[in-house]
């Protein structure tokens, strides 16, 4: 049976790569991102999205939660001691 995974934040740069790699590795991927019309910062909306996705997939073996943002700093070698 094909393993199933939900990837949140799939519309971001990291989410796109994670989704592609999981797909190449044979996972059935449900990608949730900005284009899905779901606000994953709101508990009720997130719960509905996950419940609907779980029902559509018939369950999931994994969740990769990438919602949010980060700001990369400078080059590590240039970081003051």
PDB file of N, CA and C in Angstrom:
ATOM      1  N   UNK A   1       0.839  -1.187   0.000  1.00  0.00           N
ATOM      2  CA  UNK A   1       0.000   0.000   0.000  1.00  0.00           C
ATOM      3  C   UNK A   1       0.883   1.249   0.000  1.00  0.00           C
ATOM      4  N   UNK A   2       0.494   2.232  -0.802  1.00  0.00           N
ATOM      5  CA  UNK A   2       1.239   3.481  -0.902  1.00  0.00           C
ATOM      6  C   UNK A   2       1.080   4.285   0.389  1.00  0.00           C
ATOM      7  N   UNK A   3       2.206   4.775   0.935  1.00  0.00           N
ATOM      8  CA  UNK A   3       2.161   5.605   2.131  1.00  0.00           C
ATOM      9  C   UNK A   3       1.592   6.968   1.774  1.00  0.00           C
ATOM     10  N   UNK A   4       0.851   7.555   2.735  1.00  0.00           N
ATOM     11  CA  UNK A   4       0.186   8.830   2.520  1.00  0.00           C
ATOM     12  C   UNK A   4       0.731   9.871   3.495  1.00  0.00           C
ATOM     13  N   UNK A   5       0.934  11.086   2.990  1.00  0.00           N
ATOM     14  CA  UNK A   5       1.473  12.162   3.817  1.00  0.00           C
ATOM     15  C   UNK A   5       0.756  13.465   3.490  1.00  0.00           C
ATOM     16  N   UNK A   6       0.548  14.279   4.512  1.00  0.00           N
ATOM     17  CA  UNK A   6       0.014  15.625   4.346  1.00  0.00           C
ATOM     18  C   UNK A   6       1.170  16.590   4.544  1.00  0.00           C
ATOM     19  N   UNK A   7       1.347  17.499   3.598  1.00  0.00           N
ATOM     20  CA  UNK A   7       2.386  18.526   3.711  1.00  0.00           C
ATOM     21  C   UNK A   7       1.684  19.874   3.799  1.00  0.00           C
ATOM     22  N   UNK A   8       1.822  20.552   4.943  1.00  0.00           N
ATOM     23  CA  UNK A   8       1.297  21.905   5.075  1.00  0.00           C
ATOM     24  C   UNK A   8       2.406  22.875   4.691  1.00  0.00           C
ATOM     25  N   UNK A   9       2.037  24.045   4.209  1.00  0.00           N
ATOM     26  CA  UNK A   9       3.042  24.991   3.747  1.00  0.00           C
ATOM     27  C   UNK A   9       3.640  24.574   2.419  1.00  0.00           C
ATOM     28  N   UNK A  10       2.890  23.797   1.662  1.00  0.00           N
ATOM     29  CA  UNK A  10       3.405  23.215   0.420  1.00  0.00           C
ATOM     30  C   UNK A  10       3.637  24.246  -0.675  1.00  0.00           C
ATOM     31  N   UNK A  11       3.070  25.446  -0.542  1.00  0.00           N
ATOM     32  CA  UNK A  11       3.257  26.458  -1.582  1.00  0.00           C
ATOM     33  C   UNK A  11       4.552  27.245  -1.404  1.00  0.00           C
ATOM     34  N   UNK A  12       5.226  27.056  -0.286  1.00  0.00           N
ATOM     35  CA  UNK A  12       6.506  27.730  -0.065  1.00  0.00           C
ATOM     36  C   UNK A  12       7.647  27.001  -0.744  1.00  0.00           C
ATOM     37  N   UNK A  13       8.818  27.626  -0.726  1.00  0.00           N
ATOM     38  CA  UNK A  13       9.991  27.039  -1.378  1.00  0.00           C
ATOM     39  C   UNK A  13      10.343  25.673  -0.778  1.00  0.00           C
ATOM     40  N   UNK A  14      10.425  25.582   0.530  1.00  0.00           N
ATOM     41  CA  UNK A  14      10.753  24.316   1.179  1.00  0.00           C
ATOM     42  C   UNK A  14       9.645  23.299   0.969  1.00  0.00           C
ATOM     43  N   UNK A  15       8.398  23.740   1.094  1.00  0.00           N
ATOM     44  CA  UNK A  15       7.267  22.838   0.898  1.00  0.00           C
ATOM     45  C   UNK A  15       7.233  22.228  -0.485  1.00  0.00           C
ATOM     46  N   UNK A  16       7.567  23.026  -1.489  1.00  0.00           N
ATOM     47  CA  UNK A  16       7.603  22.513  -2.856  1.00  0.00           C
ATOM     48  C   UNK A  16       8.643  21.430  -3.037  1.00  0.00           C
ATOM     49  N   UNK A  17       9.810  21.628  -2.441  1.00  0.00           N
ATOM     50  CA  UNK A  17      10.883  20.632  -2.541  1.00  0.00           C
ATOM     51  C   UNK A  17      10.502  19.369  -1.778  1.00  0.00           C
ATOM     52  N   UNK A  18       9.990  19.531  -0.567  1.00  0.00           N
ATOM     53  CA  UNK A  18       9.592  18.377   0.243  1.00  0.00           C
ATOM     54  C   UNK A  18       8.508  17.573  -0.473  1.00  0.00           C
ATOM     55  N   UNK A  19       7.532  18.269  -1.029  1.00  0.00           N
ATOM     56  CA  UNK A  19       6.455  17.605  -1.760  1.00  0.00           C
ATOM     57  C   UNK A  19       7.001  16.821  -2.953  1.00  0.00           C
ATOM     58  N   UNK A  20       7.903  17.436  -3.703  1.00  0.00           N
ATOM     59  CA  UNK A  20       8.482  16.770  -4.878  1.00  0.00           C
ATOM     60  C   UNK A  20       9.281  15.533  -4.478  1.00  0.00           C
ATOM     61  N   UNK A  21      10.090  15.653  -3.441  1.00  0.00           N
ATOM     62  CA  UNK A  21      10.928  14.518  -3.006  1.00  0.00           C
ATOM     63  C   UNK A  21      10.050  13.372  -2.498  1.00  0.00           C
ATOM     64  N   UNK A  22       9.047  13.694  -1.691  1.00  0.00           N
ATOM     65  CA  UNK A  22       8.163  12.635  -1.192  1.00  0.00           C
ATOM     66  C   UNK A  22       7.449  11.934  -2.347  1.00  0.00           C
ATOM     67  N   UNK A  23       6.996  12.704  -3.313  1.00  0.00           N
ATOM     68  CA  UNK A  23       6.342  12.111  -4.487  1.00  0.00           C
ATOM     69  C   UNK A  23       7.293  11.188  -5.230  1.00  0.00           C
ATOM     70  N   UNK A  24       8.532  11.639  -5.424  1.00  0.00           N
ATOM     71  CA  UNK A  24       9.529  10.809  -6.119  1.00  0.00           C
ATOM     72  C   UNK A  24       9.844   9.533  -5.350  1.00  0.00           C
ATOM     73  N   UNK A  25       9.710   9.602  -4.031  1.00  0.00           N
ATOM     74  CA  UNK A  25       9.974   8.438  -3.183  1.00  0.00           C
ATOM     75  C   UNK A  25       8.766   7.505  -3.086  1.00  0.00           C
ATOM     76  N   UNK A  26       7.683   7.843  -3.791  1.00  0.00           N
ATOM     77  CA  UNK A  26       6.530   6.950  -3.849  1.00  0.00           C
ATOM     78  C   UNK A  26       5.398   7.255  -2.889  1.00  0.00           C
ATOM     79  N   UNK A  27       5.492   8.352  -2.151  1.00  0.00           N
ATOM     80  CA  UNK A  27       4.424   8.721  -1.233  1.00  0.00           C
ATOM     81  C   UNK A  27       3.266   9.338  -2.003  1.00  0.00           C
ATOM     82  N   UNK A  28       2.067   9.130  -1.516  1.00  0.00           N
ATOM     83  CA  UNK A  28       0.886   9.853  -2.018  1.00  0.00           C
ATOM     84  C   UNK A  28       0.805  11.120  -1.171  1.00  0.00           C
ATOM     85  N   UNK A  29       0.970  12.275  -1.815  1.00  0.00           N
ATOM     86  CA  UNK A  29       1.112  13.544  -1.100  1.00  0.00           C
ATOM     87  C   UNK A  29      -0.140  14.396  -1.237  1.00  0.00           C
ATOM     88  N   UNK A  30      -0.651  14.861  -0.114  1.00  0.00           N
ATOM     89  CA  UNK A  30      -1.699  15.874  -0.098  1.00  0.00           C
ATOM     90  C   UNK A  30      -1.024  17.175   0.307  1.00  0.00           C
ATOM     91  N   UNK A  31      -0.955  18.116  -0.614  1.00  0.00           N
ATOM     92  CA  UNK A  31      -0.242  19.370  -0.393  1.00  0.00           C
ATOM     93  C   UNK A  31      -1.214  20.480  -0.034  1.00  0.00           C
ATOM     94  N   UNK A  32      -1.052  21.053   1.146  1.00  0.00           N
ATOM     95  CA  UNK A  32      -1.871  22.180   1.575  1.00  0.00           C
ATOM     96  C   UNK A  32      -1.001  23.426   1.592  1.00  0.00           C
ATOM     97  N   UNK A  33      -1.421  24.424   0.836  1.00  0.00           N
ATOM     98  CA  UNK A  33      -0.677  25.680   0.786  1.00  0.00           C
ATOM     99  C   UNK A  33      -1.621  26.844   0.605  1.00  0.00           C
ATOM    100  N   UNK A  34      -1.056  27.999   0.357  1.00  0.00           N
ATOM    101  CA  UNK A  34      -1.862  29.216   0.220  1.00  0.00           C
ATOM    102  C   UNK A  34      -2.941  29.081  -0.842  1.00  0.00           C
ATOM    103  N   UNK A  35      -2.667  28.410  -1.935  1.00  0.00           N
ATOM    104  CA  UNK A  35      -3.627  28.261  -3.018  1.00  0.00           C
ATOM    105  C   UNK A  35      -4.808  27.379  -2.678  1.00  0.00           C
ATOM    106  N   UNK A  36      -4.740  26.671  -1.553  1.00  0.00           N
ATOM    107  CA  UNK A  36      -5.821  25.766  -1.161  1.00  0.00           C
ATOM    108  C   UNK A  36      -7.012  26.518  -0.557  1.00  0.00           C
ATOM    109  N   UNK A  37      -6.855  27.816  -0.337  1.00  0.00           N
ATOM    110  CA  UNK A  37      -7.936  28.601   0.243  1.00  0.00           C
ATOM    111  C   UNK A  37      -8.199  28.275   1.700  1.00  0.00           C
ATOM    112  N   UNK A  38      -7.186  27.793   2.393  1.00  0.00           N
ATOM    113  CA  UNK A  38      -7.305  27.392   3.786  1.00  0.00           C
ATOM    114  C   UNK A  38      -6.388  28.271   4.627  1.00  0.00           C
ATOM    115  N   UNK A  39      -6.900  28.788   5.735  1.00  0.00           N
ATOM    116  CA  UNK A  39      -6.082  29.573   6.649  1.00  0.00           C
ATOM    117  C   UNK A  39      -5.644  28.665   7.792  1.00  0.00           C
ATOM    118  N   UNK A  40      -4.432  28.147   7.682  1.00  0.00           N
ATOM    119  CA  UNK A  40      -3.948  27.199   8.690  1.00  0.00           C
ATOM    120  C   UNK A  40      -3.496  27.881   9.977  1.00  0.00           C
ATOM    121  N   UNK A  41      -3.607  29.211  10.039  1.00  0.00           N
ATOM    122  CA  UNK A  41      -3.315  29.911  11.289  1.00  0.00           C
ATOM    123  C   UNK A  41      -4.540  29.974  12.191  1.00  0.00           C
ATOM    124  N   UNK A  42      -5.691  29.565  11.678  1.00  0.00           N
ATOM    125  CA  UNK A  42      -6.938  29.545  12.448  1.00  0.00           C
ATOM    126  C   UNK A  42      -7.289  28.091  12.767  1.00  0.00           C
ATOM    127  N   UNK A  43      -7.494  27.806  14.054  1.00  0.00           N
ATOM    128  CA  UNK A  43      -7.692  26.428  14.504  1.00  0.00           C
ATOM    129  C   UNK A  43      -8.849  25.722  13.801  1.00  0.00           C
ATOM    130  N   UNK A  44     -10.006  26.394  13.697  1.00  0.00           N
ATOM    131  CA  UNK A  44     -11.171  25.747  13.069  1.00  0.00           C
ATOM    132  C   UNK A  44     -10.915  25.443  11.597  1.00  0.00           C
ATOM    133  N   UNK A  45     -10.308  26.386  10.903  1.00  0.00           N
ATOM    134  CA  UNK A  45     -10.004  26.203   9.489  1.00  0.00           C
ATOM    135  C   UNK A  45      -8.981  25.082   9.295  1.00  0.00           C
ATOM    136  N   UNK A  46      -7.971  25.060  10.138  1.00  0.00           N
ATOM    137  CA  UNK A  46      -6.941  24.021  10.055  1.00  0.00           C
ATOM    138  C   UNK A  46      -7.533  22.641  10.325  1.00  0.00           C
ATOM    139  N   UNK A  47      -8.385  22.562  11.337  1.00  0.00           N
ATOM    140  CA  UNK A  47      -9.020  21.281  11.681  1.00  0.00           C
ATOM    141  C   UNK A  47      -9.861  20.757  10.521  1.00  0.00           C
ATOM    142  N   UNK A  48     -10.656  21.643   9.913  1.00  0.00           N
ATOM    143  CA  UNK A  48     -11.479  21.231   8.763  1.00  0.00           C
ATOM    144  C   UNK A  48     -10.599  20.776   7.601  1.00  0.00           C
ATOM    145  N   UNK A  49      -9.540  21.512   7.348  1.00  0.00           N
ATOM    146  CA  UNK A  49      -8.652  21.153   6.234  1.00  0.00           C
ATOM    147  C   UNK A  49      -8.023  19.787   6.457  1.00  0.00           C
ATOM    148  N   UNK A  50      -7.541  19.533   7.660  1.00  0.00           N
ATOM    149  CA  UNK A  50      -6.907  18.244   7.957  1.00  0.00           C
ATOM    150  C   UNK A  50      -7.952  17.129   7.930  1.00  0.00           C
ATOM    151  N   UNK A  51      -9.120  17.362   8.533  1.00  0.00           N
ATOM    152  CA  UNK A  51     -10.187  16.347   8.519  1.00  0.00           C
ATOM    153  C   UNK A  51     -10.593  16.001   7.087  1.00  0.00           C
ATOM    154  N   UNK A  52     -10.789  17.024   6.253  1.00  0.00           N
ATOM    155  CA  UNK A  52     -11.176  16.787   4.852  1.00  0.00           C
ATOM    156  C   UNK A  52     -10.077  16.053   4.089  1.00  0.00           C
ATOM    157  N   UNK A  53      -8.844  16.438   4.343  1.00  0.00           N
ATOM    158  CA  UNK A  53      -7.721  15.800   3.652  1.00  0.00           C
ATOM    159  C   UNK A  53      -7.562  14.352   4.098  1.00  0.00           C
ATOM    160  N   UNK A  54      -7.705  14.106   5.392  1.00  0.00           N
ATOM    161  CA  UNK A  54      -7.620  12.732   5.902  1.00  0.00           C
ATOM    162  C   UNK A  54      -8.716  11.868   5.294  1.00  0.00           C
ATOM    163  N   UNK A  55      -9.925  12.415   5.175  1.00  0.00           N
ATOM    164  CA  UNK A  55     -11.030  11.656   4.583  1.00  0.00           C
ATOM    165  C   UNK A  55     -10.755  11.375   3.110  1.00  0.00           C
ATOM    166  N   UNK A  56     -10.219  12.355   2.410  1.00  0.00           N
ATOM    167  CA  UNK A  56      -9.919  12.193   0.990  1.00  0.00           C
ATOM    168  C   UNK A  56      -8.815  11.152   0.760  1.00  0.00           C
ATOM    169  N   UNK A  57      -7.790  11.175   1.616  1.00  0.00           N
ATOM    170  CA  UNK A  57      -6.678  10.225   1.486  1.00  0.00           C
ATOM    171  C   UNK A  57      -7.012   8.850   2.046  1.00  0.00           C
ATOM    172  N   UNK A  58      -7.997   8.799   2.939  1.00  0.00           N
ATOM    173  CA  UNK A  58      -8.267   7.553   3.647  1.00  0.00           C
ATOM    174  C   UNK A  58      -7.298   7.347   4.799  1.00  0.00           C
ATOM    175  N   UNK A  59      -6.806   8.470   5.355  1.00  0.00           N
ATOM    176  CA  UNK A  59      -5.836   8.426   6.449  1.00  0.00           C
ATOM    177  C   UNK A  59      -4.488   8.926   5.975  1.00  0.00           C
ATOM    178  N   UNK A  60      -3.550   8.963   6.895  1.00  0.00           N
ATOM    179  CA  UNK A  60      -2.191   9.379   6.558  1.00  0.00           C
ATOM    180  C   UNK A  60      -1.217   8.770   7.551  1.00  0.00           C
ATOM    181  N   UNK A  61      -0.063   8.413   7.051  1.00  0.00           N
ATOM    182  CA  UNK A  61       0.987   7.875   7.917  1.00  0.00           C
ATOM    183  C   UNK A  61       1.887   8.976   8.468  1.00  0.00           C
ATOM    184  N   UNK A  62       1.854  10.153   7.829  1.00  0.00           N
ATOM    185  CA  UNK A  62       2.766  11.213   8.256  1.00  0.00           C
ATOM    186  C   UNK A  62       2.191  12.592   7.969  1.00  0.00           C
ATOM    187  N   UNK A  63       2.695  13.562   8.723  1.00  0.00           N
ATOM    188  CA  UNK A  63       2.393  14.970   8.521  1.00  0.00           C
ATOM    189  C   UNK A  63       3.710  15.724   8.529  1.00  0.00           C
ATOM    190  N   UNK A  64       3.933  16.544   7.500  1.00  0.00           N
ATOM    191  CA  UNK A  64       5.089  17.434   7.476  1.00  0.00           C
ATOM    192  C   UNK A  64       4.515  18.838   7.591  1.00  0.00           C
ATOM    193  N   UNK A  65       4.748  19.466   8.729  1.00  0.00           N
ATOM    194  CA  UNK A  65       4.132  20.764   9.028  1.00  0.00           C
ATOM    195  C   UNK A  65       5.148  21.874   8.781  1.00  0.00           C
ATOM    196  N   UNK A  66       4.972  22.591   7.674  1.00  0.00           N
ATOM    197  CA  UNK A  66       5.917  23.636   7.285  1.00  0.00           C
ATOM    198  C   UNK A  66       5.276  25.016   7.234  1.00  0.00           C
ATOM    199  N   UNK A  67       4.119  25.181   7.851  1.00  0.00           N
ATOM    200  CA  UNK A  67       3.455  26.482   7.847  1.00  0.00           C
ATOM    201  C   UNK A  67       4.257  27.443   8.708  1.00  0.00           C
ATOM    202  N   UNK A  68       4.410  28.627   8.210  1.00  0.00           N
ATOM    203  CA  UNK A  68       5.137  29.649   8.943  1.00  0.00           C
ATOM    204  C   UNK A  68       6.197  30.255   8.056  1.00  0.00           C
ATOM    205  N   UNK A  69       7.044  31.003   8.649  1.00  0.00           N
ATOM    206  CA  UNK A  69       8.089  31.661   7.876  1.00  0.00           C
ATOM    207  C   UNK A  69       9.360  31.725   8.698  1.00  0.00           C
ATOM    208  N   UNK A  70      10.430  31.911   8.000  1.00  0.00           N
ATOM    209  CA  UNK A  70      11.695  32.125   8.678  1.00  0.00           C
ATOM    210  C   UNK A  70      12.493  33.121   7.853  1.00  0.00           C
ATOM    211  N   UNK A  71      13.444  33.726   8.501  1.00  0.00           N
ATOM    212  CA  UNK A  71      14.326  34.646   7.800  1.00  0.00           C
ATOM    213  C   UNK A  71      15.746  34.157   8.029  1.00  0.00           C
ATOM    214  N   UNK A  72      16.386  33.819   6.962  1.00  0.00           N
ATOM    215  CA  UNK A  72      17.767  33.347   7.064  1.00  0.00           C
ATOM    216  C   UNK A  72      18.664  34.518   7.457  1.00  0.00           C
ATOM    217  N   UNK A  73      19.639  34.216   8.247  1.00  0.00           N
ATOM    218  CA  UNK A  73      20.601  35.231   8.632  1.00  0.00           C
ATOM    219  C   UNK A  73      21.736  35.299   7.640  1.00  0.00           C
ATOM    220  N   UNK A  74      22.796  35.903   8.050  1.00  0.00           N
ATOM    221  CA  UNK A  74      23.966  36.017   7.197  1.00  0.00           C
ATOM    222  C   UNK A  74      24.725  34.704   7.126  1.00  0.00           C
ATOM    223  N   UNK A  75      25.809  34.735   6.448  1.00  0.00           N
ATOM    224  CA  UNK A  75      26.697  33.586   6.317  1.00  0.00           C
ATOM    225  C   UNK A  75      27.237  33.211   7.687  1.00  0.00           C
ATOM    226  N   UNK A  76      27.176  31.951   8.049  1.00  0.00           N
ATOM    227  CA  UNK A  76      27.635  31.496   9.369  1.00  0.00           C
ATOM    228  C   UNK A  76      29.075  31.886   9.616  1.00  0.00           C
ATOM    229  N   UNK A  77      29.908  31.796   8.584  1.00  0.00           N
ATOM    230  CA  UNK A  77      31.326  32.133   8.736  1.00  0.00           C
ATOM    231  C   UNK A  77      31.521  33.619   9.083  1.00  0.00           C
ATOM    232  N   UNK A  78      30.543  34.452   8.770  1.00  0.00           N
ATOM    233  CA  UNK A  78      30.650  35.875   9.028  1.00  0.00           C
ATOM    234  C   UNK A  78      29.932  36.307  10.304  1.00  0.00           C
ATOM    235  N   UNK A  79      29.384  35.347  11.047  1.00  0.00           N
ATOM    236  CA  UNK A  79      28.677  35.649  12.289  1.00  0.00           C
ATOM    237  C   UNK A  79      29.683  35.987  13.382  1.00  0.00           C
ATOM    238  N   UNK A  80      29.472  37.110  14.087  1.00  0.00           N
ATOM    239  CA  UNK A  80      30.415  37.456  15.162  1.00  0.00           C
ATOM    240  C   UNK A  80      30.427  36.399  16.252  1.00  0.00           C
ATOM    241  N   UNK A  81      31.575  36.178  16.809  1.00  0.00           N
ATOM    242  CA  UNK A  81      31.732  35.180  17.873  1.00  0.00           C
ATOM    243  C   UNK A  81      31.134  35.654  19.164  1.00  0.00           C
TER     244      UNK A  81
END
